[in-house]
Amino acid sequence: MSGTERPEPVYCSEGIQILRALEAADEGWERRTVTDPARIAELVDLYSSLGFETMVTGLDPSSFGEACTSCAVTACSEYVALFTRKREAG
């Protein structure tokens, strides 16, 4: 992804926007996945071993599209998002 491209929002199988694009993309972060917190350590280790910085965040209802209300509240309490960016040389 070049410095001017923005990540795309995520859509469900019905075509409804469920996650907005990440504002931290301006700092080089890319959303990799949304997953159960029990699996996140494994993914952090994997991406770190591949040379990426990692950032894990909780979800909040404002990151979801307008069509996702009750699902967003459930997802926010049960899942986390993993973001990565290339490590700076040095």
PDB file of N, CA and C in Angstrom:
ATOM      1  N   MET A   1       0.858  -1.174   0.000  1.00  0.00           N
ATOM      2  CA  MET A   1       0.000   0.000   0.000  1.00  0.00           C
ATOM      3  C   MET A   1       0.896   1.225   0.000  1.00  0.00           C
ATOM      4  N   SER A   2       0.644   2.140  -0.887  1.00  0.00           N
ATOM      5  CA  SER A   2       1.429   3.374  -0.937  1.00  0.00           C
ATOM      6  C   SER A   2       0.957   4.319   0.159  1.00  0.00           C
ATOM      7  N   GLY A   3       1.701   5.396   0.380  1.00  0.00           N
ATOM      8  CA  GLY A   3       1.372   6.337   1.435  1.00  0.00           C
ATOM      9  C   GLY A   3       0.067   7.073   1.229  1.00  0.00           C
ATOM     10  N   THR A   4      -0.467   7.078   0.007  1.00  0.00           N
ATOM     11  CA  THR A   4      -1.696   7.827  -0.247  1.00  0.00           C
ATOM     12  C   THR A   4      -2.938   6.948  -0.234  1.00  0.00           C
ATOM     13  N   GLU A   5      -2.775   5.630  -0.283  1.00  0.00           N
ATOM     14  CA  GLU A   5      -3.930   4.741  -0.288  1.00  0.00           C
ATOM     15  C   GLU A   5      -4.465   4.574   1.124  1.00  0.00           C
ATOM     16  N   ARG A   6      -5.777   4.518   1.249  1.00  0.00           N
ATOM     17  CA  ARG A   6      -6.420   4.281   2.542  1.00  0.00           C
ATOM     18  C   ARG A   6      -6.907   2.834   2.558  1.00  0.00           C
ATOM     19  N   PRO A   7      -6.863   2.170   3.703  1.00  0.00           N
ATOM     20  CA  PRO A   7      -7.397   0.811   3.754  1.00  0.00           C
ATOM     21  C   PRO A   7      -8.895   0.839   3.501  1.00  0.00           C
ATOM     22  N   GLU A   8      -9.376  -0.231   2.950  1.00  0.00           N
ATOM     23  CA  GLU A   8     -10.797  -0.332   2.657  1.00  0.00           C
ATOM     24  C   GLU A   8     -11.561  -0.725   3.917  1.00  0.00           C
ATOM     25  N   PRO A   9     -12.797  -0.269   4.040  1.00  0.00           N
ATOM     26  CA  PRO A   9     -13.629  -0.755   5.138  1.00  0.00           C
ATOM     27  C   PRO A   9     -13.928  -2.238   4.925  1.00  0.00           C
ATOM     28  N   VAL A  10     -14.392  -2.915   5.949  1.00  0.00           N
ATOM     29  CA  VAL A  10     -14.722  -4.333   5.879  1.00  0.00           C
ATOM     30  C   VAL A  10     -16.232  -4.463   5.754  1.00  0.00           C
ATOM     31  N   TYR A  11     -16.666  -5.359   4.864  1.00  0.00           N
ATOM     32  CA  TYR A  11     -18.090  -5.588   4.638  1.00  0.00           C
ATOM     33  C   TYR A  11     -18.445  -7.029   4.983  1.00  0.00           C
ATOM     34  N   CYS A  12     -19.659  -7.254   5.485  1.00  0.00           N
ATOM     35  CA  CYS A  12     -20.117  -8.616   5.756  1.00  0.00           C
ATOM     36  C   CYS A  12     -20.622  -9.245   4.457  1.00  0.00           C
ATOM     37  N   SER A  13     -21.045 -10.506   4.534  1.00  0.00           N
ATOM     38  CA  SER A  13     -21.505 -11.222   3.344  1.00  0.00           C
ATOM     39  C   SER A  13     -22.754 -10.605   2.731  1.00  0.00           C
ATOM     40  N   GLU A  14     -23.463  -9.779   3.480  1.00  0.00           N
ATOM     41  CA  GLU A  14     -24.650  -9.101   2.964  1.00  0.00           C
ATOM     42  C   GLU A  14     -24.311  -7.764   2.315  1.00  0.00           C
ATOM     43  N   GLY A  15     -23.039  -7.409   2.293  1.00  0.00           N
ATOM     44  CA  GLY A  15     -22.627  -6.148   1.689  1.00  0.00           C
ATOM     45  C   GLY A  15     -22.770  -4.948   2.603  1.00  0.00           C
ATOM     46  N   ILE A  16     -22.980  -5.178   3.884  1.00  0.00           N
ATOM     47  CA  ILE A  16     -23.131  -4.096   4.852  1.00  0.00           C
ATOM     48  C   ILE A  16     -21.768  -3.775   5.443  1.00  0.00           C
ATOM     49  N   GLN A  17     -21.425  -2.505   5.473  1.00  0.00           N
ATOM     50  CA  GLN A  17     -20.149  -2.093   6.054  1.00  0.00           C
ATOM     51  C   GLN A  17     -20.172  -2.373   7.548  1.00  0.00           C
ATOM     52  N   ILE A  18     -19.200  -3.170   8.017  1.00  0.00           N
ATOM     53  CA  ILE A  18     -19.175  -3.497   9.439  1.00  0.00           C
ATOM     54  C   ILE A  18     -17.988  -2.889  10.168  1.00  0.00           C
ATOM     55  N   LEU A  19     -16.907  -2.607   9.481  1.00  0.00           N
ATOM     56  CA  LEU A  19     -15.778  -1.934  10.119  1.00  0.00           C
ATOM     57  C   LEU A  19     -15.294  -0.814   9.221  1.00  0.00           C
ATOM     58  N   ARG A  20     -15.132   0.340   9.790  1.00  0.00           N
ATOM     59  CA  ARG A  20     -14.638   1.493   9.038  1.00  0.00           C
ATOM     60  C   ARG A  20     -13.134   1.359   8.820  1.00  0.00           C
ATOM     61  N   ALA A  21     -12.618   2.086   7.865  1.00  0.00           N
ATOM     62  CA  ALA A  21     -11.176   2.104   7.630  1.00  0.00           C
ATOM     63  C   ALA A  21     -10.483   2.726   8.838  1.00  0.00           C
ATOM     64  N   LEU A  22      -9.298   2.303   9.092  1.00  0.00           N
ATOM     65  CA  LEU A  22      -8.542   2.732  10.265  1.00  0.00           C
ATOM     66  C   LEU A  22      -7.905   4.099  10.079  1.00  0.00           C
ATOM     67  N   GLU A  23      -8.107   4.983  11.051  1.00  0.00           N
ATOM     68  CA  GLU A  23      -7.480   6.303  10.997  1.00  0.00           C
ATOM     69  C   GLU A  23      -5.967   6.211  11.160  1.00  0.00           C
ATOM     70  N   ALA A  24      -5.478   5.199  11.881  1.00  0.00           N
ATOM     71  CA  ALA A  24      -4.039   5.048  12.104  1.00  0.00           C
ATOM     72  C   ALA A  24      -3.300   4.642  10.829  1.00  0.00           C
ATOM     73  N   ALA A  25      -4.025   4.448   9.736  1.00  0.00           N
ATOM     74  CA  ALA A  25      -3.375   4.117   8.468  1.00  0.00           C
ATOM     75  C   ALA A  25      -2.410   5.218   8.053  1.00  0.00           C
ATOM     76  N   ASP A  26      -2.676   6.444   8.475  1.00  0.00           N
ATOM     77  CA  ASP A  26      -1.774   7.555   8.169  1.00  0.00           C
ATOM     78  C   ASP A  26      -0.402   7.341   8.796  1.00  0.00           C
ATOM     79  N   GLU A  27      -0.335   6.496   9.818  1.00  0.00           N
ATOM     80  CA  GLU A  27       0.927   6.187  10.480  1.00  0.00           C
ATOM     81  C   GLU A  27       1.495   4.856  10.006  1.00  0.00           C
ATOM     82  N   GLY A  28       0.913   4.294   8.949  1.00  0.00           N
ATOM     83  CA  GLY A  28       1.431   3.066   8.365  1.00  0.00           C
ATOM     84  C   GLY A  28       0.827   1.775   8.888  1.00  0.00           C
ATOM     85  N   TRP A  29      -0.151   1.849   9.771  1.00  0.00           N
ATOM     86  CA  TRP A  29      -0.767   0.645  10.324  1.00  0.00           C
ATOM     87  C   TRP A  29      -1.782   0.066   9.349  1.00  0.00           C
ATOM     88  N   GLU A  30      -1.805  -1.271   9.244  1.00  0.00           N
ATOM     89  CA  GLU A  30      -2.780  -1.985   8.423  1.00  0.00           C
ATOM     90  C   GLU A  30      -3.526  -2.974   9.305  1.00  0.00           C
ATOM     91  N   ARG A  31      -4.849  -3.006   9.175  1.00  0.00           N
ATOM     92  CA  ARG A  31      -5.627  -3.982   9.935  1.00  0.00           C
ATOM     93  C   ARG A  31      -5.409  -5.347   9.298  1.00  0.00           C
ATOM     94  N   ARG A  32      -5.028  -6.324  10.105  1.00  0.00           N
ATOM     95  CA  ARG A  32      -4.803  -7.682   9.609  1.00  0.00           C
ATOM     96  C   ARG A  32      -5.979  -8.595   9.888  1.00  0.00           C
ATOM     97  N   THR A  33      -6.544  -8.493  11.087  1.00  0.00           N
ATOM     98  CA  THR A  33      -7.646  -9.392  11.427  1.00  0.00           C
ATOM     99  C   THR A  33      -8.377  -8.898  12.662  1.00  0.00           C
ATOM    100  N   VAL A  34      -9.566  -9.404  12.833  1.00  0.00           N
ATOM    101  CA  VAL A  34     -10.332  -9.248  14.066  1.00  0.00           C
ATOM    102  C   VAL A  34     -10.542 -10.673  14.564  1.00  0.00           C
ATOM    103  N   THR A  35     -10.176 -10.921  15.820  1.00  0.00           N
ATOM    104  CA  THR A  35     -10.198 -12.297  16.306  1.00  0.00           C
ATOM    105  C   THR A  35     -10.494 -12.367  17.792  1.00  0.00           C
ATOM    106  N   ASP A  36     -10.657 -13.574  18.248  1.00  0.00           N
ATOM    107  CA  ASP A  36     -10.855 -13.872  19.663  1.00  0.00           C
ATOM    108  C   ASP A  36      -9.572 -13.557  20.426  1.00  0.00           C
ATOM    109  N   PRO A  37      -9.669 -12.922  21.583  1.00  0.00           N
ATOM    110  CA  PRO A  37      -8.461 -12.586  22.343  1.00  0.00           C
ATOM    111  C   PRO A  37      -7.591 -13.793  22.692  1.00  0.00           C
ATOM    112  N   ALA A  38      -8.174 -14.978  22.770  1.00  0.00           N
ATOM    113  CA  ALA A  38      -7.401 -16.176  23.095  1.00  0.00           C
ATOM    114  C   ALA A  38      -6.378 -16.516  22.013  1.00  0.00           C
ATOM    115  N   ARG A  39      -6.581 -16.053  20.783  1.00  0.00           N
ATOM    116  CA  ARG A  39      -5.677 -16.354  19.669  1.00  0.00           C
ATOM    117  C   ARG A  39      -4.699 -15.235  19.359  1.00  0.00           C
ATOM    118  N   ILE A  40      -4.843 -14.094  19.999  1.00  0.00           N
ATOM    119  CA  ILE A  40      -4.082 -12.923  19.578  1.00  0.00           C
ATOM    120  C   ILE A  40      -2.585 -13.063  19.835  1.00  0.00           C
ATOM    121  N   ALA A  41      -2.179 -13.691  20.931  1.00  0.00           N
ATOM    122  CA  ALA A  41      -0.749 -13.828  21.235  1.00  0.00           C
ATOM    123  C   ALA A  41      -0.028 -14.613  20.140  1.00  0.00           C
ATOM    124  N   GLU A  42      -0.672 -15.644  19.632  1.00  0.00           N
ATOM    125  CA  GLU A  42      -0.106 -16.450  18.548  1.00  0.00           C
ATOM    126  C   GLU A  42       0.116 -15.599  17.290  1.00  0.00           C
ATOM    127  N   LEU A  43      -0.849 -14.770  16.968  1.00  0.00           N
ATOM    128  CA  LEU A  43      -0.733 -13.921  15.782  1.00  0.00           C
ATOM    129  C   LEU A  43       0.299 -12.817  15.969  1.00  0.00           C
ATOM    130  N   VAL A  44       0.363 -12.245  17.163  1.00  0.00           N
ATOM    131  CA  VAL A  44       1.380 -11.226  17.450  1.00  0.00           C
ATOM    132  C   VAL A  44       2.766 -11.835  17.285  1.00  0.00           C
ATOM    133  N   ASP A  45       2.973 -13.037  17.823  1.00  0.00           N
ATOM    134  CA  ASP A  45       4.268 -13.712  17.678  1.00  0.00           C
ATOM    135  C   ASP A  45       4.601 -13.961  16.213  1.00  0.00           C
ATOM    136  N   LEU A  46       3.618 -14.409  15.442  1.00  0.00           N
ATOM    137  CA  LEU A  46       3.837 -14.688  14.026  1.00  0.00           C
ATOM    138  C   LEU A  46       4.245 -13.431  13.268  1.00  0.00           C
ATOM    139  N   TYR A  47       3.455 -12.372  13.381  1.00  0.00           N
ATOM    140  CA  TYR A  47       3.772 -11.140  12.653  1.00  0.00           C
ATOM    141  C   TYR A  47       5.073 -10.513  13.142  1.00  0.00           C
ATOM    142  N   SER A  48       5.359 -10.604  14.427  1.00  0.00           N
ATOM    143  CA  SER A  48       6.628 -10.082  14.944  1.00  0.00           C
ATOM    144  C   SER A  48       7.803 -10.847  14.343  1.00  0.00           C
ATOM    145  N   SER A  49       7.667 -12.166  14.222  1.00  0.00           N
ATOM    146  CA  SER A  49       8.745 -12.974  13.644  1.00  0.00           C
ATOM    147  C   SER A  49       8.956 -12.675  12.165  1.00  0.00           C
ATOM    148  N   LEU A  50       7.942 -12.122  11.515  1.00  0.00           N
ATOM    149  CA  LEU A  50       8.044 -11.753  10.101  1.00  0.00           C
ATOM    150  C   LEU A  50       8.534 -10.321   9.908  1.00  0.00           C
ATOM    151  N   GLY A  51       8.876  -9.646  11.004  1.00  0.00           N
ATOM    152  CA  GLY A  51       9.450  -8.312  10.915  1.00  0.00           C
ATOM    153  C   GLY A  51       8.467  -7.164  11.018  1.00  0.00           C
ATOM    154  N   PHE A  52       7.295  -7.421  11.565  1.00  0.00           N
ATOM    155  CA  PHE A  52       6.291  -6.372  11.708  1.00  0.00           C
ATOM    156  C   PHE A  52       6.206  -5.883  13.144  1.00  0.00           C
ATOM    157  N   GLU A  53       5.890  -4.599  13.311  1.00  0.00           N
ATOM    158  CA  GLU A  53       5.422  -4.090  14.594  1.00  0.00           C
ATOM    159  C   GLU A  53       3.958  -4.492  14.685  1.00  0.00           C
ATOM    160  N   THR A  54       3.470  -4.726  15.876  1.00  0.00           N
ATOM    161  CA  THR A  54       2.066  -5.095  16.041  1.00  0.00           C
ATOM    162  C   THR A  54       1.386  -4.168  17.036  1.00  0.00           C
ATOM    163  N   MET A  55       0.096  -4.003  16.846  1.00  0.00           N
ATOM    164  CA  MET A  55      -0.731  -3.218  17.757  1.00  0.00           C
ATOM    165  C   MET A  55      -2.067  -3.947  17.890  1.00  0.00           C
ATOM    166  N   VAL A  56      -2.465  -4.226  19.102  1.00  0.00           N
ATOM    167  CA  VAL A  56      -3.743  -4.885  19.369  1.00  0.00           C
ATOM    168  C   VAL A  56      -4.660  -3.863  20.023  1.00  0.00           C
ATOM    169  N   THR A  57      -5.859  -3.739  19.495  1.00  0.00           N
ATOM    170  CA  THR A  57      -6.817  -2.797  20.066  1.00  0.00           C
ATOM    171  C   THR A  57      -8.150  -3.486  20.289  1.00  0.00           C
ATOM    172  N   GLY A  58      -8.873  -2.979  21.255  1.00  0.00           N
ATOM    173  CA  GLY A  58     -10.250  -3.403  21.407  1.00  0.00           C
ATOM    174  C   GLY A  58     -11.080  -2.760  20.311  1.00  0.00           C
ATOM    175  N   LEU A  59     -12.273  -3.235  20.144  1.00  0.00           N
ATOM    176  CA  LEU A  59     -13.187  -2.643  19.169  1.00  0.00           C
ATOM    177  C   LEU A  59     -14.143  -1.725  19.912  1.00  0.00           C
ATOM    178  N   ASP A  60     -14.639  -0.721  19.219  1.00  0.00           N
ATOM    179  CA  ASP A  60     -15.666   0.125  19.814  1.00  0.00           C
ATOM    180  C   ASP A  60     -16.778   0.322  18.799  1.00  0.00           C
ATOM    181  N   PRO A  61     -17.996   0.507  19.265  1.00  0.00           N
ATOM    182  CA  PRO A  61     -19.132   0.611  18.346  1.00  0.00           C
ATOM    183  C   PRO A  61     -18.961   1.669  17.260  1.00  0.00           C
ATOM    184  N   SER A  62     -18.196   2.728  17.517  1.00  0.00           N
ATOM    185  CA  SER A  62     -18.040   3.770  16.501  1.00  0.00           C
ATOM    186  C   SER A  62     -17.208   3.306  15.310  1.00  0.00           C
ATOM    187  N   SER A  63     -16.494   2.181  15.444  1.00  0.00           N
ATOM    188  CA  SER A  63     -15.715   1.683  14.316  1.00  0.00           C
ATOM    189  C   SER A  63     -16.561   0.848  13.361  1.00  0.00           C
ATOM    190  N   PHE A  64     -17.814   0.606  13.728  1.00  0.00           N
ATOM    191  CA  PHE A  64     -18.712  -0.179  12.895  1.00  0.00           C
ATOM    192  C   PHE A  64     -19.621   0.727  12.078  1.00  0.00           C
ATOM    193  N   GLY A  65     -20.143   0.190  10.988  1.00  0.00           N
ATOM    194  CA  GLY A  65     -21.087   0.926  10.164  1.00  0.00           C
ATOM    195  C   GLY A  65     -22.408   1.127  10.880  1.00  0.00           C
ATOM    196  N   GLU A  66     -23.225   2.038  10.357  1.00  0.00           N
ATOM    197  CA  GLU A  66     -24.505   2.371  10.984  1.00  0.00           C
ATOM    198  C   GLU A  66     -25.458   1.186  11.047  1.00  0.00           C
ATOM    199  N   ALA A  67     -25.341   0.245  10.109  1.00  0.00           N
ATOM    200  CA  ALA A  67     -26.261  -0.890  10.070  1.00  0.00           C
ATOM    201  C   ALA A  67     -25.980  -1.912  11.163  1.00  0.00           C
ATOM    202  N   CYS A  68     -24.818  -1.818  11.785  1.00  0.00           N
ATOM    203  CA  CYS A  68     -24.422  -2.795  12.811  1.00  0.00           C
ATOM    204  C   CYS A  68     -24.525  -2.158  14.183  1.00  0.00           C
ATOM    205  N   THR A  69     -25.583  -2.478  14.891  1.00  0.00           N
ATOM    206  CA  THR A  69     -25.747  -1.895  16.224  1.00  0.00           C
ATOM    207  C   THR A  69     -25.565  -2.962  17.291  1.00  0.00           C
ATOM    208  N   SER A  70     -26.518  -3.871  17.426  1.00  0.00           N
ATOM    209  CA  SER A  70     -26.396  -4.890  18.473  1.00  0.00           C
ATOM    210  C   SER A  70     -25.224  -5.824  18.207  1.00  0.00           C
ATOM    211  N   CYS A  71     -24.958  -6.135  16.941  1.00  0.00           N
ATOM    212  CA  CYS A  71     -23.799  -6.981  16.621  1.00  0.00           C
ATOM    213  C   CYS A  71     -22.506  -6.279  17.013  1.00  0.00           C
ATOM    214  N   ALA A  72     -22.442  -4.977  16.801  1.00  0.00           N
ATOM    215  CA  ALA A  72     -21.238  -4.222  17.144  1.00  0.00           C
ATOM    216  C   ALA A  72     -20.972  -4.278  18.634  1.00  0.00           C
ATOM    217  N   VAL A  73     -22.006  -4.146  19.432  1.00  0.00           N
ATOM    218  CA  VAL A  73     -21.833  -4.196  20.884  1.00  0.00           C
ATOM    219  C   VAL A  73     -21.309  -5.569  21.301  1.00  0.00           C
ATOM    220  N   THR A  74     -21.856  -6.627  20.713  1.00  0.00           N
ATOM    221  CA  THR A  74     -21.391  -7.980  21.016  1.00  0.00           C
ATOM    222  C   THR A  74     -19.949  -8.164  20.582  1.00  0.00           C
ATOM    223  N   ALA A  75     -19.625  -7.758  19.362  1.00  0.00           N
ATOM    224  CA  ALA A  75     -18.263  -7.910  18.849  1.00  0.00           C
ATOM    225  C   ALA A  75     -17.268  -7.124  19.688  1.00  0.00           C
ATOM    226  N   CYS A  76     -17.660  -5.952  20.143  1.00  0.00           N
ATOM    227  CA  CYS A  76     -16.756  -5.110  20.928  1.00  0.00           C
ATOM    228  C   CYS A  76     -16.369  -5.766  22.241  1.00  0.00           C
ATOM    229  N   SER A  77     -17.246  -6.563  22.785  1.00  0.00           N
ATOM    230  CA  SER A  77     -16.938  -7.202  24.058  1.00  0.00           C
ATOM    231  C   SER A  77     -16.252  -8.552  23.889  1.00  0.00           C
ATOM    232  N   GLU A  78     -16.243  -9.104  22.673  1.00  0.00           N
ATOM    233  CA  GLU A  78     -15.728 -10.454  22.478  1.00  0.00           C
ATOM    234  C   GLU A  78     -14.518 -10.563  21.562  1.00  0.00           C
ATOM    235  N   TYR A  79     -14.133  -9.510  20.854  1.00  0.00           N
ATOM    236  CA  TYR A  79     -13.050  -9.605  19.876  1.00  0.00           C
ATOM    237  C   TYR A  79     -12.074  -8.439  20.008  1.00  0.00           C
ATOM    238  N   VAL A  80     -10.881  -8.637  19.451  1.00  0.00           N
ATOM    239  CA  VAL A  80      -9.876  -7.583  19.366  1.00  0.00           C
ATOM    240  C   VAL A  80      -9.387  -7.507  17.923  1.00  0.00           C
ATOM    241  N   ALA A  81      -8.802  -6.375  17.567  1.00  0.00           N
ATOM    242  CA  ALA A  81      -8.260  -6.183  16.222  1.00  0.00           C
ATOM    243  C   ALA A  81      -6.738  -6.183  16.292  1.00  0.00           C
ATOM    244  N   LEU A  82      -6.115  -6.763  15.279  1.00  0.00           N
ATOM    245  CA  LEU A  82      -4.657  -6.778  15.164  1.00  0.00           C
ATOM    246  C   LEU A  82      -4.252  -5.910  13.984  1.00  0.00           C
ATOM    247  N   PHE A  83      -3.331  -4.982  14.233  1.00  0.00           N
ATOM    248  CA  PHE A  83      -2.781  -4.107  13.207  1.00  0.00           C
ATOM    249  C   PHE A  83      -1.280  -4.333  13.134  1.00  0.00           C
ATOM    250  N   THR A  84      -0.729  -4.192  11.948  1.00  0.00           N
ATOM    251  CA  THR A  84       0.720  -4.333  11.779  1.00  0.00           C
ATOM    252  C   THR A  84       1.248  -3.205  10.911  1.00  0.00           C
ATOM    253  N   ARG A  85       2.554  -2.998  11.020  1.00  0.00           N
ATOM    254  CA  ARG A  85       3.270  -2.142  10.079  1.00  0.00           C
ATOM    255  C   ARG A  85       4.710  -2.623  10.062  1.00  0.00           C
ATOM    256  N   LYS A  86       5.386  -2.352   8.961  1.00  0.00           N
ATOM    257  CA  LYS A  86       6.789  -2.752   8.833  1.00  0.00           C
ATOM    258  C   LYS A  86       7.615  -2.038   9.884  1.00  0.00           C
ATOM    259  N   ARG A  87       8.538  -2.772  10.488  1.00  0.00           N
ATOM    260  CA  ARG A  87       9.463  -2.148  11.446  1.00  0.00           C
ATOM    261  C   ARG A  87      10.394  -1.217  10.708  1.00  0.00           C
ATOM    262  N   GLU A  88      10.687  -0.105  11.345  1.00  0.00           N
ATOM    263  CA  GLU A  88      11.662   0.820  10.772  1.00  0.00           C
ATOM    264  C   GLU A  88      13.053   0.241  10.971  1.00  0.00           C
ATOM    265  N   ALA A  89      13.887   0.374   9.962  1.00  0.00           N
ATOM    266  CA  ALA A  89      15.262  -0.123  10.058  1.00  0.00           C
ATOM    267  C   ALA A  89      16.005   0.651  11.130  1.00  0.00           C
ATOM    268  N   GLY A  90      16.821  -0.057  11.868  1.00  0.00           N
ATOM    269  CA  GLY A  90      17.602   0.676  12.854  1.00  0.00           C
ATOM    270  C   GLY A  90      17.789  -0.070  14.035  1.00  0.00           C
TER     271      GLY A  90
END
